[in-house]
Amino acid sequence: MEHSKPRPAFKVWMETDDGYVFGPGVYSLLKKVEETGTLKEGASSLGMSYRYAWGLVRKAEEKLREPLLFAHKGGRSGGGGAELTDRGKQFIADFQLLREQMKRVSEKPLQNVVFGTVSEVKSLHKEVELVVRIDIEDESSIRKGDKVLIQKASSN
């Protein structure tokens, strides 16, 4: 039996000092509510009960101390629905960006990592220009115009 090569894996979630707030479950649910216009349909499409889905949203809202959804009840003939608050929309966007960034970082081979020290920072109109000094053995791996990820390391 052939073994597959190990690769990085990760789970992403957001939390406050009080703990877990927002992760893949709430993200998926809010995306479905945005698509379907109702919590019931969004939950159903994910195989969740309405009660469970509403509990997920309420817990996140309690930790955040602000609403993620505006729900409105329908009458006897239906017409109820839900829509995301601006904060709910922002959490979806932030969480998606975080997942994409983590995926990009985990897909890069370790040999593409170089270590250096920022020696100059210039503030431009809408950007910052950095001059980074790197070890001589890393010199050949970076070319002008390359896209790079800058991560601040501990200064120990």
Protein backbone atom coordinates (compact mmCIF):
# COMPACT_ATOMS: atom_id res chain seq x y z
CA MET A 1 0.00 0.00 0.00
CA GLU A 2 1.40 3.36 -1.07
CA HIS A 3 1.25 6.23 1.44
CA SER A 4 0.39 9.72 0.35
CA LYS A 5 2.77 12.56 1.10
CA PRO A 6 1.87 14.59 4.22
CA ARG A 7 0.67 18.12 3.55
CA PRO A 8 -0.31 21.01 5.78
CA ALA A 9 -3.89 21.08 7.01
CA PHE A 10 -5.67 23.66 9.10
CA LYS A 11 -8.97 24.63 10.64
CA VAL A 12 -9.81 28.29 10.90
CA TRP A 13 -12.20 29.94 13.31
CA MET A 14 -12.59 33.31 14.97
CA GLU A 15 -12.80 33.87 18.69
CA THR A 16 -12.89 36.61 21.28
CA ASP A 17 -11.47 36.56 24.80
CA ASP A 18 -14.67 34.67 25.69
CA GLY A 19 -13.86 31.86 23.24
CA TYR A 20 -15.19 30.52 19.94
CA VAL A 21 -17.47 32.82 17.95
CA PHE A 22 -17.42 32.03 14.28
CA GLY A 23 -16.16 29.10 12.21
CA PRO A 24 -16.98 27.00 9.16
CA GLY A 25 -20.47 26.06 10.41
CA VAL A 26 -21.68 29.60 11.06
CA TYR A 27 -19.92 30.80 7.90
CA SER A 28 -21.67 28.18 5.74
CA LEU A 29 -25.00 28.89 7.37
CA LEU A 30 -24.77 32.66 6.86
CA LYS A 31 -23.72 32.13 3.22
CA LYS A 32 -26.77 29.91 2.66
CA VAL A 33 -29.08 32.41 4.36
CA GLU A 34 -27.67 35.07 2.07
CA GLU A 35 -28.36 32.83 -0.95
CA THR A 36 -31.81 31.54 0.04
CA GLY A 37 -33.20 34.49 1.99
CA THR A 38 -34.37 32.36 4.92
CA LEU A 39 -32.76 30.67 7.88
CA LYS A 40 -35.04 27.64 7.44
CA GLU A 41 -33.97 27.02 3.82
CA GLY A 42 -30.32 27.78 4.56
CA ALA A 43 -30.28 25.33 7.46
CA SER A 44 -32.17 22.67 5.51
CA SER A 45 -29.75 22.85 2.58
CA LEU A 46 -26.89 22.13 5.02
CA GLY A 47 -28.72 19.25 6.72
CA MET A 48 -29.28 21.28 9.92
CA SER A 49 -32.50 21.66 11.80
CA TYR A 50 -33.90 25.17 12.02
CA ARG A 51 -33.57 25.03 15.83
CA TYR A 52 -29.89 24.03 15.67
CA ALA A 53 -29.13 26.71 13.07
CA TRP A 54 -30.86 29.41 15.10
CA GLY A 55 -28.84 28.28 18.14
CA LEU A 56 -25.56 28.66 16.21
CA VAL A 57 -26.46 32.17 15.14
CA ARG A 58 -27.65 33.19 18.63
CA LYS A 59 -24.45 31.93 20.28
CA ALA A 60 -22.29 33.85 17.82
CA GLU A 61 -24.38 36.98 18.29
CA GLU A 62 -24.16 36.70 22.08
CA LYS A 63 -20.36 36.47 21.98
CA LEU A 64 -20.13 39.36 19.52
CA ARG A 65 -22.80 41.36 21.32
CA GLU A 66 -24.31 42.35 17.98
CA PRO A 67 -26.70 40.79 15.45
CA LEU A 68 -25.57 38.90 12.36
CA LEU A 69 -29.09 38.34 10.99
CA PHE A 70 -32.34 40.26 10.79
CA ALA A 71 -35.16 37.74 10.76
CA HIS A 72 -38.76 38.61 10.04
CA LYS A 73 -41.73 36.32 10.48
CA GLY A 74 -44.26 35.74 7.80
CA GLY A 75 -48.01 35.47 8.20
CA ARG A 76 -50.23 32.47 7.60
CA SER A 77 -49.40 32.55 3.93
CA GLY A 78 -45.64 32.65 4.55
CA GLY A 79 -43.42 35.53 3.57
CA GLY A 80 -40.91 35.25 6.40
CA GLY A 81 -37.23 35.60 5.76
CA ALA A 82 -33.84 36.59 7.02
CA GLU A 83 -31.09 38.83 5.79
CA LEU A 84 -27.59 39.45 6.98
CA THR A 85 -26.72 42.58 8.87
CA ASP A 86 -23.78 44.62 7.64
CA ARG A 87 -21.76 42.99 10.43
CA GLY A 88 -22.85 39.54 9.26
CA LYS A 89 -21.75 40.36 5.71
CA GLN A 90 -18.42 41.65 7.03
CA PHE A 91 -17.83 38.44 9.00
CA ILE A 92 -18.45 36.34 5.90
CA ALA A 93 -15.99 38.44 3.89
CA ASP A 94 -13.36 38.43 6.67
CA PHE A 95 -13.67 34.69 7.24
CA GLN A 96 -13.41 33.92 3.52
CA LEU A 97 -10.30 36.11 3.23
CA LEU A 98 -8.75 34.41 6.26
CA ARG A 99 -9.39 30.96 4.77
CA GLU A 100 -7.90 32.00 1.43
CA GLN A 101 -4.80 33.43 3.10
CA MET A 102 -4.29 30.28 5.18
CA LYS A 103 -4.70 28.12 2.08
CA ARG A 104 -2.12 30.15 0.15
CA VAL A 105 0.37 29.97 3.01
CA SER A 106 -0.11 26.22 3.48
CA GLU A 107 0.37 25.51 -0.24
CA LYS A 108 3.77 27.21 -0.41
CA PRO A 109 6.73 24.89 0.04
CA LEU A 110 8.95 25.69 3.01
CA GLN A 111 11.94 26.30 0.74
CA ASN A 112 10.19 29.47 -0.45
CA VAL A 113 10.54 30.97 3.02
CA VAL A 114 13.36 33.48 3.47
CA PHE A 115 14.42 35.26 6.62
CA GLY A 116 15.46 38.86 6.82
CA THR A 117 15.23 42.15 8.66
CA VAL A 118 13.30 45.25 7.63
CA SER A 119 15.88 48.01 7.31
CA GLU A 120 13.74 50.78 5.90
CA VAL A 121 10.04 51.70 5.78
CA LYS A 122 8.81 54.46 3.48
CA SER A 123 5.22 55.71 3.62
CA LEU A 124 3.85 56.38 0.16
CA HIS A 125 0.43 57.77 -0.74
CA LYS A 126 -1.59 54.54 -0.35
CA GLU A 127 1.21 52.02 0.15
CA VAL A 128 4.26 51.31 2.24
CA GLU A 129 7.63 50.47 0.68
CA LEU A 130 9.81 48.10 2.69
CA VAL A 131 13.50 47.42 2.28
CA VAL A 132 14.27 43.97 3.68
CA ARG A 133 17.79 42.63 4.16
CA ILE A 134 17.97 38.85 3.81
CA ASP A 135 20.68 36.24 4.33
CA ILE A 136 23.05 35.86 1.36
CA GLU A 137 22.03 32.22 0.74
CA ASP A 138 18.42 33.36 0.23
CA GLU A 139 19.38 36.09 -2.26
CA SER A 140 18.80 34.12 -5.46
CA SER A 141 15.28 33.03 -4.54
CA ILE A 142 13.66 36.49 -4.81
CA ARG A 143 13.45 38.69 -7.89
CA LYS A 144 12.20 42.23 -8.38
CA GLY A 145 8.45 42.13 -8.97
CA ASP A 146 7.90 38.84 -7.08
CA LYS A 147 4.81 38.69 -4.90
CA VAL A 148 5.78 37.99 -1.29
CA LEU A 149 4.04 37.44 2.02
CA ILE A 150 5.47 39.47 4.88
CA GLN A 151 4.95 38.09 8.35
CA LYS A 152 6.33 39.76 11.43
CA ALA A 153 8.34 37.30 13.51
CA SER A 154 9.02 37.63 17.21
CA SER A 155 11.98 39.88 17.87
CA ASN A 156 13.72 37.48 20.27
